[in-house]
N, C-alpha and C. Protein backbone atom coordinates (compact mmCIF):
# COMPACT_ATOMS: atom_id res chain seq x y z
N MET A 1 0.85 -1.19 0.00
CA MET A 1 0.00 0.00 0.00
C MET A 1 0.89 1.25 0.00
N PRO A 2 0.74 2.16 -0.97
CA PRO A 2 1.59 3.34 -1.06
C PRO A 2 1.47 4.23 0.18
N HIS A 3 2.61 4.70 0.65
CA HIS A 3 2.67 5.60 1.81
C HIS A 3 3.15 6.95 1.31
N ILE A 4 2.31 7.97 1.45
CA ILE A 4 2.60 9.30 0.92
C ILE A 4 2.88 10.26 2.06
N LEU A 5 3.96 11.03 1.92
CA LEU A 5 4.29 12.07 2.89
C LEU A 5 3.93 13.43 2.30
N ILE A 6 3.03 14.15 2.98
CA ILE A 6 2.63 15.49 2.56
C ILE A 6 3.40 16.50 3.40
N ILE A 7 4.26 17.30 2.76
CA ILE A 7 5.04 18.31 3.46
C ILE A 7 4.48 19.67 3.06
N GLU A 8 3.58 20.20 3.87
CA GLU A 8 2.84 21.41 3.55
C GLU A 8 2.44 22.10 4.85
N ASP A 9 2.80 23.39 4.99
CA ASP A 9 2.54 24.07 6.24
C ASP A 9 1.11 24.59 6.37
N ASP A 10 0.37 24.64 5.27
CA ASP A 10 -1.03 25.05 5.31
C ASP A 10 -1.86 23.82 5.74
N VAL A 11 -2.34 23.84 6.98
CA VAL A 11 -3.03 22.68 7.53
C VAL A 11 -4.27 22.33 6.72
N SER A 12 -5.03 23.35 6.32
CA SER A 12 -6.26 23.11 5.55
C SER A 12 -5.96 22.46 4.22
N LEU A 13 -4.92 22.96 3.54
CA LEU A 13 -4.55 22.39 2.25
C LEU A 13 -4.03 20.97 2.42
N SER A 14 -3.21 20.73 3.42
CA SER A 14 -2.68 19.40 3.68
C SER A 14 -3.82 18.41 3.92
N ASN A 15 -4.79 18.82 4.74
CA ASN A 15 -5.92 17.94 5.01
C ASN A 15 -6.78 17.76 3.75
N GLY A 16 -6.87 18.80 2.93
CA GLY A 16 -7.62 18.70 1.68
C GLY A 16 -6.99 17.71 0.72
N ILE A 17 -5.67 17.73 0.65
CA ILE A 17 -4.95 16.77 -0.21
C ILE A 17 -5.22 15.34 0.28
N LYS A 18 -5.12 15.17 1.58
CA LYS A 18 -5.37 13.85 2.18
C LYS A 18 -6.78 13.37 1.89
N LEU A 19 -7.74 14.29 1.99
CA LEU A 19 -9.14 13.95 1.74
C LEU A 19 -9.36 13.58 0.27
N ALA A 20 -8.72 14.33 -0.64
CA ALA A 20 -8.90 14.08 -2.07
C ALA A 20 -8.33 12.74 -2.49
N LEU A 21 -7.31 12.27 -1.78
CA LEU A 21 -6.62 11.02 -2.16
C LEU A 21 -7.07 9.82 -1.35
N ARG A 22 -7.98 10.02 -0.38
CA ARG A 22 -8.29 8.95 0.56
C ARG A 22 -8.89 7.72 -0.10
N GLN A 23 -9.63 7.91 -1.21
CA GLN A 23 -10.31 6.78 -1.83
C GLN A 23 -9.38 5.89 -2.63
N ASP A 24 -8.12 6.27 -2.74
CA ASP A 24 -7.17 5.50 -3.54
C ASP A 24 -6.36 4.51 -2.70
N ASP A 25 -6.80 4.25 -1.48
CA ASP A 25 -6.17 3.22 -0.65
C ASP A 25 -4.71 3.54 -0.34
N PHE A 26 -4.44 4.81 0.00
CA PHE A 26 -3.10 5.23 0.38
C PHE A 26 -3.00 5.37 1.89
N VAL A 27 -1.78 5.29 2.39
CA VAL A 27 -1.48 5.63 3.78
C VAL A 27 -0.79 7.00 3.75
N PHE A 28 -1.13 7.88 4.71
CA PHE A 28 -0.59 9.24 4.69
C PHE A 28 0.15 9.56 5.98
N SER A 29 1.19 10.38 5.81
CA SER A 29 1.82 11.06 6.94
C SER A 29 1.86 12.54 6.56
N GLN A 30 1.73 13.40 7.56
CA GLN A 30 1.73 14.85 7.30
C GLN A 30 2.84 15.51 8.11
N ALA A 31 3.55 16.41 7.44
CA ALA A 31 4.58 17.22 8.11
C ALA A 31 4.31 18.67 7.75
N PHE A 32 4.40 19.54 8.73
CA PHE A 32 4.13 20.96 8.50
C PHE A 32 5.40 21.79 8.53
N LYS A 33 6.51 21.12 8.79
CA LYS A 33 7.84 21.73 8.74
C LYS A 33 8.81 20.71 8.15
N LEU A 34 9.93 21.19 7.62
CA LEU A 34 10.96 20.28 7.09
C LEU A 34 11.56 19.43 8.21
N SER A 35 11.70 20.01 9.38
CA SER A 35 12.27 19.25 10.51
C SER A 35 11.37 18.05 10.85
N GLU A 36 10.05 18.25 10.78
CA GLU A 36 9.13 17.15 11.04
C GLU A 36 9.22 16.09 9.94
N ALA A 37 9.36 16.55 8.69
CA ALA A 37 9.48 15.62 7.57
C ALA A 37 10.71 14.74 7.71
N LYS A 38 11.82 15.34 8.10
CA LYS A 38 13.07 14.59 8.24
C LYS A 38 12.96 13.51 9.31
N LYS A 39 12.27 13.83 10.40
CA LYS A 39 12.09 12.83 11.46
C LYS A 39 11.22 11.68 10.99
N LEU A 40 10.16 12.01 10.25
CA LEU A 40 9.28 10.96 9.73
C LEU A 40 10.02 10.06 8.74
N MET A 41 10.90 10.65 7.95
CA MET A 41 11.63 9.89 6.93
C MET A 41 12.68 8.97 7.55
N GLU A 42 13.06 9.24 8.78
CA GLU A 42 14.03 8.38 9.45
C GLU A 42 13.42 7.04 9.86
N VAL A 43 12.09 7.02 10.02
CA VAL A 43 11.45 5.81 10.54
C VAL A 43 10.40 5.22 9.59
N ASN A 44 10.22 5.84 8.41
CA ASN A 44 9.24 5.35 7.46
C ASN A 44 9.85 5.26 6.06
N HIS A 45 9.31 4.35 5.27
CA HIS A 45 9.66 4.31 3.85
C HIS A 45 8.47 4.84 3.07
N PHE A 46 8.67 5.93 2.36
CA PHE A 46 7.58 6.57 1.63
C PHE A 46 7.64 6.23 0.15
N SER A 47 6.46 6.14 -0.45
CA SER A 47 6.35 5.86 -1.88
C SER A 47 6.41 7.12 -2.71
N LEU A 48 6.03 8.26 -2.11
CA LEU A 48 5.97 9.53 -2.83
C LEU A 48 5.94 10.67 -1.84
N LEU A 49 6.56 11.80 -2.20
CA LEU A 49 6.51 13.01 -1.39
C LEU A 49 5.73 14.08 -2.15
N ILE A 50 4.84 14.78 -1.44
CA ILE A 50 4.21 15.99 -1.96
C ILE A 50 4.83 17.13 -1.17
N LEU A 51 5.62 17.96 -1.83
CA LEU A 51 6.52 18.90 -1.16
C LEU A 51 6.20 20.35 -1.53
N ASP A 52 5.89 21.16 -0.51
CA ASP A 52 5.70 22.59 -0.72
C ASP A 52 7.07 23.27 -0.82
N VAL A 53 7.15 24.34 -1.59
CA VAL A 53 8.43 25.05 -1.74
C VAL A 53 8.71 25.94 -0.54
N ASN A 54 7.71 26.71 -0.09
CA ASN A 54 7.92 27.66 1.00
C ASN A 54 7.41 27.09 2.32
N LEU A 55 8.36 26.76 3.21
CA LEU A 55 8.03 26.16 4.50
C LEU A 55 8.61 27.00 5.62
N PRO A 56 8.06 26.91 6.83
CA PRO A 56 8.50 27.79 7.92
C PRO A 56 9.98 27.69 8.27
N ASP A 57 10.57 26.52 8.10
CA ASP A 57 11.95 26.33 8.53
C ASP A 57 12.89 26.00 7.37
N GLY A 58 12.53 26.36 6.16
CA GLY A 58 13.45 26.10 5.06
C GLY A 58 12.79 26.17 3.71
N ASN A 59 13.60 25.91 2.69
CA ASN A 59 13.17 26.01 1.30
C ASN A 59 13.06 24.62 0.70
N GLY A 60 11.93 24.34 0.03
CA GLY A 60 11.73 23.03 -0.57
C GLY A 60 12.75 22.68 -1.62
N PHE A 61 13.25 23.68 -2.36
CA PHE A 61 14.27 23.42 -3.37
C PHE A 61 15.55 22.88 -2.72
N ASP A 62 15.97 23.51 -1.61
CA ASP A 62 17.18 23.06 -0.92
C ASP A 62 16.99 21.65 -0.36
N PHE A 63 15.82 21.41 0.20
CA PHE A 63 15.51 20.08 0.73
C PHE A 63 15.57 19.03 -0.38
N LEU A 64 14.97 19.35 -1.53
CA LEU A 64 14.93 18.41 -2.65
C LEU A 64 16.34 18.11 -3.15
N LYS A 65 17.17 19.13 -3.24
CA LYS A 65 18.54 18.94 -3.72
C LYS A 65 19.29 17.93 -2.86
N THR A 66 19.16 18.05 -1.56
CA THR A 66 19.82 17.11 -0.64
C THR A 66 19.17 15.74 -0.71
N PHE A 67 17.85 15.71 -0.77
CA PHE A 67 17.10 14.46 -0.82
C PHE A 67 17.48 13.63 -2.04
N ARG A 68 17.69 14.28 -3.19
CA ARG A 68 18.01 13.57 -4.42
C ARG A 68 19.40 12.94 -4.41
N GLU A 69 20.23 13.32 -3.46
CA GLU A 69 21.56 12.72 -3.36
C GLU A 69 21.49 11.28 -2.87
N SER A 70 20.38 10.91 -2.25
CA SER A 70 20.29 9.57 -1.67
C SER A 70 19.00 8.83 -2.00
N SER A 71 18.09 9.46 -2.74
CA SER A 71 16.80 8.80 -2.99
C SER A 71 16.23 9.21 -4.34
N ASP A 72 15.56 8.24 -5.00
CA ASP A 72 14.86 8.52 -6.26
C ASP A 72 13.35 8.39 -6.10
N ILE A 73 12.86 8.46 -4.85
CA ILE A 73 11.42 8.42 -4.60
C ILE A 73 10.76 9.59 -5.32
N PRO A 74 9.63 9.36 -6.00
CA PRO A 74 8.97 10.45 -6.72
C PRO A 74 8.60 11.62 -5.81
N VAL A 75 8.77 12.83 -6.34
CA VAL A 75 8.44 14.05 -5.60
C VAL A 75 7.59 14.96 -6.48
N ILE A 76 6.44 15.36 -5.97
CA ILE A 76 5.59 16.35 -6.63
C ILE A 76 5.69 17.63 -5.82
N MET A 77 6.09 18.72 -6.45
CA MET A 77 6.27 19.98 -5.74
C MET A 77 5.02 20.85 -5.85
N LEU A 78 4.72 21.55 -4.76
CA LEU A 78 3.61 22.49 -4.70
C LEU A 78 4.17 23.88 -4.43
N THR A 79 3.68 24.89 -5.15
CA THR A 79 4.16 26.24 -4.91
C THR A 79 3.23 27.28 -5.49
N ILE A 80 3.29 28.49 -4.96
CA ILE A 80 2.53 29.60 -5.53
C ILE A 80 3.31 30.24 -6.67
N ASN A 81 4.57 29.83 -6.82
CA ASN A 81 5.40 30.39 -7.89
C ASN A 81 5.09 29.68 -9.20
N ASP A 82 4.62 30.45 -10.19
CA ASP A 82 4.32 29.84 -11.48
C ASP A 82 5.23 30.36 -12.59
N MET A 83 6.32 31.00 -12.19
CA MET A 83 7.28 31.47 -13.19
C MET A 83 8.02 30.27 -13.79
N GLU A 84 8.32 30.36 -15.07
CA GLU A 84 8.97 29.25 -15.76
C GLU A 84 10.30 28.90 -15.11
N THR A 85 11.04 29.92 -14.62
CA THR A 85 12.34 29.65 -14.00
C THR A 85 12.19 28.81 -12.74
N ASP A 86 11.12 29.04 -11.98
CA ASP A 86 10.90 28.25 -10.76
C ASP A 86 10.56 26.81 -11.11
N ILE A 87 9.75 26.64 -12.15
CA ILE A 87 9.38 25.29 -12.58
C ILE A 87 10.61 24.53 -13.05
N VAL A 88 11.42 25.18 -13.89
CA VAL A 88 12.63 24.53 -14.40
C VAL A 88 13.58 24.20 -13.27
N THR A 89 13.72 25.12 -12.30
CA THR A 89 14.61 24.87 -11.16
C THR A 89 14.19 23.61 -10.41
N GLY A 90 12.89 23.50 -10.13
CA GLY A 90 12.40 22.33 -9.43
C GLY A 90 12.64 21.05 -10.20
N LEU A 91 12.39 21.08 -11.50
CA LEU A 91 12.58 19.88 -12.32
C LEU A 91 14.05 19.52 -12.44
N GLU A 92 14.91 20.52 -12.58
CA GLU A 92 16.34 20.24 -12.69
C GLU A 92 16.91 19.68 -11.39
N LEU A 93 16.32 20.05 -10.26
CA LEU A 93 16.77 19.53 -8.97
C LEU A 93 16.25 18.12 -8.70
N GLY A 94 15.32 17.65 -9.56
CA GLY A 94 14.88 16.28 -9.43
C GLY A 94 13.41 16.07 -9.13
N ALA A 95 12.59 17.13 -9.18
CA ALA A 95 11.16 16.95 -8.98
C ALA A 95 10.59 16.16 -10.16
N ASN A 96 9.67 15.26 -9.88
CA ASN A 96 9.03 14.47 -10.93
C ASN A 96 7.86 15.21 -11.56
N ASP A 97 7.25 16.10 -10.78
CA ASP A 97 6.13 16.89 -11.30
C ASP A 97 6.05 18.16 -10.47
N TYR A 98 5.28 19.14 -10.97
CA TYR A 98 5.26 20.47 -10.38
C TYR A 98 3.85 21.02 -10.52
N VAL A 99 3.22 21.36 -9.39
CA VAL A 99 1.85 21.87 -9.41
C VAL A 99 1.83 23.25 -8.75
N THR A 100 1.27 24.24 -9.44
CA THR A 100 1.22 25.59 -8.89
C THR A 100 -0.14 25.87 -8.26
N LYS A 101 -0.11 26.58 -7.14
CA LYS A 101 -1.32 26.94 -6.41
C LYS A 101 -1.96 28.17 -7.06
N PRO A 102 -3.29 28.26 -7.08
CA PRO A 102 -4.25 27.23 -6.66
C PRO A 102 -4.36 26.13 -7.72
N PHE A 103 -4.71 24.94 -7.30
CA PHE A 103 -4.80 23.83 -8.24
C PHE A 103 -6.01 22.97 -7.88
N SER A 104 -6.43 22.19 -8.84
CA SER A 104 -7.53 21.26 -8.64
C SER A 104 -7.02 20.02 -7.90
N LEU A 105 -7.70 19.66 -6.83
CA LEU A 105 -7.29 18.46 -6.09
C LEU A 105 -7.47 17.21 -6.94
N MET A 106 -8.41 17.23 -7.87
CA MET A 106 -8.60 16.08 -8.76
C MET A 106 -7.42 15.95 -9.73
N VAL A 107 -6.90 17.10 -10.17
CA VAL A 107 -5.72 17.07 -11.03
C VAL A 107 -4.52 16.53 -10.25
N LEU A 108 -4.36 16.99 -9.01
CA LEU A 108 -3.27 16.48 -8.18
C LEU A 108 -3.41 14.97 -7.98
N ARG A 109 -4.62 14.53 -7.74
CA ARG A 109 -4.86 13.09 -7.56
C ARG A 109 -4.41 12.30 -8.79
N ALA A 110 -4.74 12.82 -9.98
CA ALA A 110 -4.35 12.14 -11.22
C ALA A 110 -2.84 12.10 -11.35
N ARG A 111 -2.18 13.18 -10.96
CA ARG A 111 -0.71 13.23 -11.08
C ARG A 111 -0.04 12.30 -10.07
N VAL A 112 -0.62 12.20 -8.88
CA VAL A 112 -0.10 11.26 -7.88
C VAL A 112 -0.23 9.83 -8.39
N ASN A 113 -1.39 9.50 -8.92
CA ASN A 113 -1.61 8.15 -9.44
C ASN A 113 -0.65 7.86 -10.59
N ASN A 114 -0.37 8.87 -11.42
CA ASN A 114 0.54 8.68 -12.54
C ASN A 114 1.94 8.34 -12.06
N GLN A 115 2.37 8.99 -10.98
CA GLN A 115 3.71 8.71 -10.45
C GLN A 115 3.80 7.33 -9.80
N LEU A 116 2.71 6.90 -9.18
CA LEU A 116 2.75 5.64 -8.42
C LEU A 116 2.48 4.41 -9.27
N LYS A 117 1.95 4.59 -10.47
CA LYS A 117 1.61 3.41 -11.27
C LYS A 117 2.74 2.94 -12.18
N GLN A 118 3.88 3.65 -12.16
CA GLN A 118 4.98 3.24 -13.02
C GLN A 118 5.42 1.81 -12.66
N ASP A 119 5.61 0.98 -13.67
CA ASP A 119 5.99 -0.42 -13.44
C ASP A 119 7.28 -0.71 -14.20
N TYR A 120 8.42 -0.54 -13.54
CA TYR A 120 9.73 -0.75 -14.16
C TYR A 120 10.52 -1.75 -13.33
N ARG A 121 11.39 -2.49 -14.01
CA ARG A 121 12.38 -3.31 -13.32
C ARG A 121 13.74 -2.84 -13.79
N ILE A 122 14.55 -2.39 -12.86
CA ILE A 122 15.87 -1.85 -13.22
C ILE A 122 16.94 -2.58 -12.43
N SER A 123 17.93 -3.08 -13.12
CA SER A 123 19.02 -3.79 -12.48
C SER A 123 20.32 -3.41 -13.16
N GLY A 124 21.11 -2.57 -12.48
CA GLY A 124 22.38 -2.14 -13.05
C GLY A 124 22.20 -1.45 -14.39
N LYS A 125 22.82 -2.01 -15.41
CA LYS A 125 22.75 -1.42 -16.74
C LYS A 125 21.77 -2.17 -17.63
N HIS A 126 20.89 -2.93 -17.00
CA HIS A 126 19.91 -3.73 -17.75
C HIS A 126 18.52 -3.28 -17.34
N ILE A 127 17.75 -2.76 -18.27
CA ILE A 127 16.43 -2.21 -17.96
C ILE A 127 15.37 -2.92 -18.79
N ILE A 128 14.30 -3.35 -18.10
CA ILE A 128 13.18 -4.00 -18.78
C ILE A 128 11.94 -3.16 -18.56
N VAL A 129 11.28 -2.75 -19.64
CA VAL A 129 10.06 -1.97 -19.57
C VAL A 129 9.04 -2.62 -20.49
N ASP A 130 7.99 -3.17 -19.91
CA ASP A 130 6.97 -3.87 -20.69
C ASP A 130 7.63 -4.92 -21.57
N GLU A 131 7.46 -4.83 -22.90
CA GLU A 131 8.04 -5.82 -23.82
C GLU A 131 9.39 -5.39 -24.38
N MET A 132 9.98 -4.36 -23.77
CA MET A 132 11.28 -3.87 -24.25
C MET A 132 12.38 -4.22 -23.27
N ASP A 133 13.53 -4.59 -23.82
CA ASP A 133 14.69 -5.04 -23.04
C ASP A 133 15.90 -4.22 -23.47
N PHE A 134 16.42 -3.39 -22.56
CA PHE A 134 17.56 -2.52 -22.87
C PHE A 134 18.79 -2.99 -22.08
N ASP A 135 19.76 -3.52 -22.77
CA ASP A 135 21.01 -3.96 -22.16
C ASP A 135 22.10 -2.97 -22.57
N PHE A 136 22.30 -1.94 -21.74
CA PHE A 136 23.25 -0.88 -22.08
C PHE A 136 24.69 -1.35 -22.02
N GLU A 137 24.96 -2.31 -21.13
CA GLU A 137 26.35 -2.80 -20.99
C GLU A 137 26.82 -3.49 -22.27
N ASN A 138 25.96 -4.31 -22.86
CA ASN A 138 26.31 -5.03 -24.08
C ASN A 138 25.78 -4.35 -25.34
N MET A 139 25.13 -3.19 -25.14
CA MET A 139 24.58 -2.40 -26.25
C MET A 139 23.65 -3.23 -27.13
N GLU A 140 22.75 -3.96 -26.46
CA GLU A 140 21.75 -4.76 -27.16
C GLU A 140 20.36 -4.30 -26.70
N PHE A 141 19.52 -3.98 -27.66
CA PHE A 141 18.21 -3.41 -27.37
C PHE A 141 17.16 -4.17 -28.16
N ARG A 142 16.13 -4.65 -27.46
CA ARG A 142 15.10 -5.47 -28.10
C ARG A 142 13.71 -4.97 -27.77
N LYS A 143 12.82 -5.13 -28.74
CA LYS A 143 11.39 -4.88 -28.55
C LYS A 143 10.64 -6.09 -29.07
N ASP A 144 9.82 -6.69 -28.20
CA ASP A 144 9.11 -7.92 -28.56
C ASP A 144 10.08 -9.00 -29.05
N GLY A 145 11.29 -9.01 -28.47
CA GLY A 145 12.28 -10.01 -28.82
C GLY A 145 13.10 -9.69 -30.06
N THR A 146 12.74 -8.62 -30.77
CA THR A 146 13.46 -8.25 -32.00
C THR A 146 14.55 -7.23 -31.69
N LEU A 147 15.73 -7.47 -32.19
CA LEU A 147 16.86 -6.59 -31.95
C LEU A 147 16.64 -5.24 -32.64
N ILE A 148 16.93 -4.16 -31.92
CA ILE A 148 16.80 -2.80 -32.44
C ILE A 148 18.18 -2.16 -32.45
N GLU A 149 18.54 -1.55 -33.55
CA GLU A 149 19.83 -0.87 -33.65
C GLU A 149 19.68 0.59 -33.25
N LEU A 150 20.47 1.00 -32.24
CA LEU A 150 20.45 2.38 -31.78
C LEU A 150 21.84 2.99 -31.94
N SER A 151 21.88 4.22 -32.39
CA SER A 151 23.16 4.93 -32.48
C SER A 151 23.66 5.25 -31.07
N LYS A 152 24.93 5.63 -30.95
CA LYS A 152 25.47 5.96 -29.63
C LYS A 152 24.71 7.13 -29.00
N THR A 153 24.33 8.10 -29.82
CA THR A 153 23.57 9.24 -29.31
C THR A 153 22.20 8.80 -28.83
N GLU A 154 21.54 7.93 -29.59
CA GLU A 154 20.23 7.43 -29.19
C GLU A 154 20.33 6.62 -27.90
N GLN A 155 21.42 5.87 -27.76
CA GLN A 155 21.62 5.10 -26.53
C GLN A 155 21.79 6.02 -25.32
N ARG A 156 22.57 7.08 -25.49
CA ARG A 156 22.78 8.02 -24.37
C ARG A 156 21.47 8.69 -23.97
N LEU A 157 20.70 9.09 -24.97
CA LEU A 157 19.42 9.75 -24.68
C LEU A 157 18.46 8.78 -23.99
N LEU A 158 18.38 7.56 -24.50
CA LEU A 158 17.49 6.56 -23.91
C LEU A 158 17.88 6.26 -22.47
N LYS A 159 19.16 6.17 -22.22
CA LYS A 159 19.63 5.83 -20.89
C LYS A 159 19.29 6.91 -19.87
N ILE A 160 19.50 8.18 -20.24
CA ILE A 160 19.21 9.26 -19.29
C ILE A 160 17.71 9.40 -19.06
N LEU A 161 16.90 9.13 -20.09
CA LEU A 161 15.45 9.18 -19.92
C LEU A 161 14.98 8.07 -18.98
N CYS A 162 15.47 6.84 -19.21
CA CYS A 162 15.07 5.70 -18.38
C CYS A 162 15.57 5.85 -16.94
N ALA A 163 16.79 6.38 -16.78
CA ALA A 163 17.37 6.53 -15.45
C ALA A 163 16.61 7.56 -14.62
N ASN A 164 15.88 8.44 -15.32
CA ASN A 164 15.12 9.49 -14.64
C ASN A 164 13.63 9.33 -14.92
N LYS A 165 13.17 8.10 -14.91
CA LYS A 165 11.77 7.79 -15.24
C LYS A 165 10.80 8.65 -14.44
N GLY A 166 9.83 9.20 -15.15
CA GLY A 166 8.82 10.02 -14.50
C GLY A 166 9.26 11.43 -14.19
N ARG A 167 10.52 11.75 -14.49
CA ARG A 167 11.06 13.08 -14.18
C ARG A 167 11.23 13.86 -15.48
N THR A 168 10.63 15.03 -15.55
CA THR A 168 10.74 15.85 -16.75
C THR A 168 12.15 16.42 -16.85
N LEU A 169 12.80 16.18 -17.98
CA LEU A 169 14.16 16.65 -18.20
C LEU A 169 14.14 17.81 -19.19
N PRO A 170 14.57 19.00 -18.78
CA PRO A 170 14.59 20.16 -19.67
C PRO A 170 15.47 19.93 -20.89
N ARG A 171 15.11 20.55 -22.01
CA ARG A 171 15.87 20.39 -23.25
C ARG A 171 17.32 20.78 -23.06
N GLU A 172 17.56 21.88 -22.36
CA GLU A 172 18.93 22.35 -22.17
C GLU A 172 19.77 21.33 -21.41
N LEU A 173 19.17 20.72 -20.40
CA LEU A 173 19.88 19.70 -19.63
C LEU A 173 20.24 18.52 -20.52
N LEU A 174 19.31 18.05 -21.34
CA LEU A 174 19.58 16.92 -22.23
C LEU A 174 20.67 17.26 -23.24
N LEU A 175 20.61 18.46 -23.79
CA LEU A 175 21.63 18.88 -24.75
C LEU A 175 23.01 18.85 -24.10
N ASN A 176 23.10 19.36 -22.88
CA ASN A 176 24.39 19.40 -22.18
C ASN A 176 24.89 18.01 -21.81
N LYS A 177 23.98 17.15 -21.37
CA LYS A 177 24.37 15.81 -20.94
C LYS A 177 24.78 14.91 -22.11
N ILE A 178 24.08 15.02 -23.22
CA ILE A 178 24.28 14.08 -24.33
C ILE A 178 25.33 14.54 -25.32
N TRP A 179 25.41 15.85 -25.53
CA TRP A 179 26.35 16.35 -26.54
C TRP A 179 27.47 17.20 -25.92
N SER A 180 27.74 17.04 -24.63
CA SER A 180 28.72 17.88 -23.94
C SER A 180 30.13 17.74 -24.49
N ASP A 181 30.41 16.58 -25.15
CA ASP A 181 31.77 16.35 -25.67
C ASP A 181 31.87 16.60 -27.17
N GLU A 182 30.87 17.27 -27.72
CA GLU A 182 30.86 17.45 -29.18
C GLU A 182 30.98 18.92 -29.59
N GLY A 183 31.67 19.70 -28.75
CA GLY A 183 31.91 21.08 -29.12
C GLY A 183 31.03 22.03 -28.34
N ALA A 184 31.32 23.33 -28.48
CA ALA A 184 30.64 24.36 -27.70
C ALA A 184 29.20 24.59 -28.18
N PHE A 185 28.93 24.37 -29.45
CA PHE A 185 27.60 24.66 -29.97
C PHE A 185 26.98 23.41 -30.58
N VAL A 186 25.76 23.14 -30.19
CA VAL A 186 25.00 22.03 -30.76
C VAL A 186 23.64 22.58 -31.19
N ASP A 187 23.27 22.33 -32.41
CA ASP A 187 21.96 22.77 -32.90
C ASP A 187 20.87 22.11 -32.07
N GLU A 188 19.97 22.90 -31.49
CA GLU A 188 18.91 22.36 -30.64
C GLU A 188 18.03 21.38 -31.40
N ASN A 189 18.01 21.51 -32.71
CA ASN A 189 17.20 20.60 -33.52
C ASN A 189 17.70 19.17 -33.44
N ALA A 190 18.99 19.01 -33.06
CA ALA A 190 19.57 17.66 -32.95
C ALA A 190 18.81 16.83 -31.92
N LEU A 191 18.36 17.47 -30.84
CA LEU A 191 17.61 16.76 -29.82
C LEU A 191 16.25 16.31 -30.36
N SER A 192 15.57 17.21 -31.05
CA SER A 192 14.25 16.86 -31.61
C SER A 192 14.36 15.70 -32.59
N VAL A 193 15.41 15.72 -33.40
CA VAL A 193 15.63 14.65 -34.39
C VAL A 193 15.89 13.32 -33.69
N THR A 194 16.72 13.34 -32.63
CA THR A 194 17.05 12.11 -31.91
C THR A 194 15.82 11.57 -31.18
N ILE A 195 15.02 12.45 -30.61
CA ILE A 195 13.78 12.03 -29.96
C ILE A 195 12.87 11.34 -30.97
N LYS A 196 12.74 11.93 -32.15
CA LYS A 196 11.88 11.36 -33.19
C LYS A 196 12.37 9.98 -33.61
N ARG A 197 13.68 9.82 -33.76
CA ARG A 197 14.24 8.53 -34.17
C ARG A 197 14.00 7.47 -33.10
N LEU A 198 14.14 7.85 -31.84
CA LEU A 198 13.89 6.90 -30.75
C LEU A 198 12.42 6.48 -30.74
N ARG A 199 11.54 7.45 -30.90
CA ARG A 199 10.11 7.14 -30.93
C ARG A 199 9.78 6.21 -32.09
N ASP A 200 10.36 6.47 -33.25
CA ASP A 200 10.09 5.62 -34.41
C ASP A 200 10.51 4.18 -34.16
N LYS A 201 11.56 3.99 -33.35
CA LYS A 201 12.08 2.65 -33.10
C LYS A 201 11.40 1.94 -31.91
N LEU A 202 10.91 2.73 -30.95
CA LEU A 202 10.41 2.12 -29.71
C LEU A 202 8.90 2.19 -29.53
N GLU A 203 8.28 3.23 -30.02
CA GLU A 203 6.85 3.43 -29.78
C GLU A 203 6.01 2.63 -30.78
N ASP A 204 4.89 2.10 -30.33
CA ASP A 204 3.95 1.43 -31.23
C ASP A 204 3.32 2.43 -32.19
N ILE A 205 2.98 3.62 -31.66
CA ILE A 205 2.44 4.70 -32.48
C ILE A 205 3.28 5.94 -32.19
N PRO A 206 4.34 6.18 -32.97
CA PRO A 206 5.26 7.29 -32.70
C PRO A 206 4.57 8.65 -32.57
N SER A 207 3.48 8.86 -33.32
CA SER A 207 2.79 10.15 -33.27
C SER A 207 1.98 10.31 -31.97
N LYS A 208 1.74 9.19 -31.27
CA LYS A 208 1.05 9.21 -29.98
C LYS A 208 1.88 8.41 -28.97
N PRO A 209 3.04 8.95 -28.59
CA PRO A 209 3.98 8.19 -27.76
C PRO A 209 3.44 7.83 -26.38
N LYS A 210 3.74 6.61 -25.98
CA LYS A 210 3.36 6.13 -24.65
C LYS A 210 4.50 6.33 -23.66
N TYR A 211 5.73 6.27 -24.15
CA TYR A 211 6.90 6.32 -23.27
C TYR A 211 7.62 7.65 -23.30
N ILE A 212 8.05 8.10 -24.48
CA ILE A 212 8.82 9.34 -24.59
C ILE A 212 7.85 10.48 -24.87
N LYS A 213 7.47 11.18 -23.81
CA LYS A 213 6.47 12.23 -23.93
C LYS A 213 7.10 13.62 -23.90
N THR A 214 6.47 14.52 -24.63
CA THR A 214 6.89 15.91 -24.65
C THR A 214 6.18 16.68 -23.55
N VAL A 215 6.94 17.44 -22.77
CA VAL A 215 6.36 18.38 -21.80
C VAL A 215 6.55 19.75 -22.42
N TYR A 216 5.52 20.26 -23.01
CA TYR A 216 5.63 21.45 -23.86
C TYR A 216 6.21 22.65 -23.11
N GLY A 217 7.19 23.27 -23.75
CA GLY A 217 7.84 24.42 -23.17
C GLY A 217 8.97 24.09 -22.22
N ILE A 218 9.13 22.79 -21.91
CA ILE A 218 10.18 22.40 -20.96
C ILE A 218 11.13 21.36 -21.54
N GLY A 219 10.61 20.15 -21.83
CA GLY A 219 11.51 19.11 -22.32
C GLY A 219 10.78 17.81 -22.55
N TYR A 220 11.36 16.71 -22.04
CA TYR A 220 10.81 15.37 -22.29
C TYR A 220 10.82 14.54 -21.01
N VAL A 221 9.96 13.52 -21.00
CA VAL A 221 9.90 12.63 -19.84
C VAL A 221 9.63 11.21 -20.33
N TRP A 222 10.26 10.24 -19.65
CA TRP A 222 9.96 8.83 -19.91
C TRP A 222 8.87 8.44 -18.93
N ALA A 223 7.67 8.18 -19.42
CA ALA A 223 6.54 7.89 -18.53
C ALA A 223 5.53 7.02 -19.25
N VAL A 224 4.94 6.10 -18.51
CA VAL A 224 3.90 5.23 -19.07
C VAL A 224 2.56 5.90 -18.82
N SER A 225 1.76 6.06 -19.88
CA SER A 225 0.45 6.71 -19.74
C SER A 225 -0.59 5.71 -19.28
C-alpha cells in the first residue's frame, strides 16, 4: 500500500490533499515543517513526497537537492510560484512533477496516481520496460524479442530518460548531458531529431507516444500513460 508524505505548512490544504486522495487506498503522513518531515523519513519508507516550496523552517528546493543525493522516490512539488524559472529549477533539482497553487485536487490526484503506477524493473545497466529489453552494458536493445539498432547518441538519450523515469528533463539539460563532448555549440534541432528517431524505433504509435512524452515548453519525460 503506497505511503505518501505530505510536506505542507497550510493545515487546511494538507488535510484537503489527504481527503482528495483517501479513496485510492493510500497511507498518509503529514509534516508541516521540514524538521518534522526529516524525522518521519528516518522511521518510514515513503512511496511519494508531496513537497511545498515555502516552508516555515526552510526552502523546498534546498531540501529536494539534498534528498536527491540519496533517494529517487517520486516528488511532486507544490508552490505559488508559477514562473517558468521556478518550474525549471524544481525539475532540474529532481522533482518528478510540479503543481502551482491554486490547483484542482482532482488534477493532483491524477498526477499522484501517474507517479505511483509506473511499473519498471531496473538492475544495473539492464532495464526492462513492458516488452522492451535494454542492455546498455552489451549495447543490445530489443522490442518484442526483435533486436533494435540504436546509435550511440540514441543510446545516451534513452539511458538518461530511463534513469530518470517520471522526471521531466529540460531540453537544455539533455543537450548538455548528451552532446557535452561534441563542441561548444550544438543545434537544438539535434535533440528533436534524436527524440523522433527513438520514438520511431520504440513506440507502437510514434505520433502518440506512450513512453517518450513531450512536456511542452520544458523538455521530455519517460513515462507510461
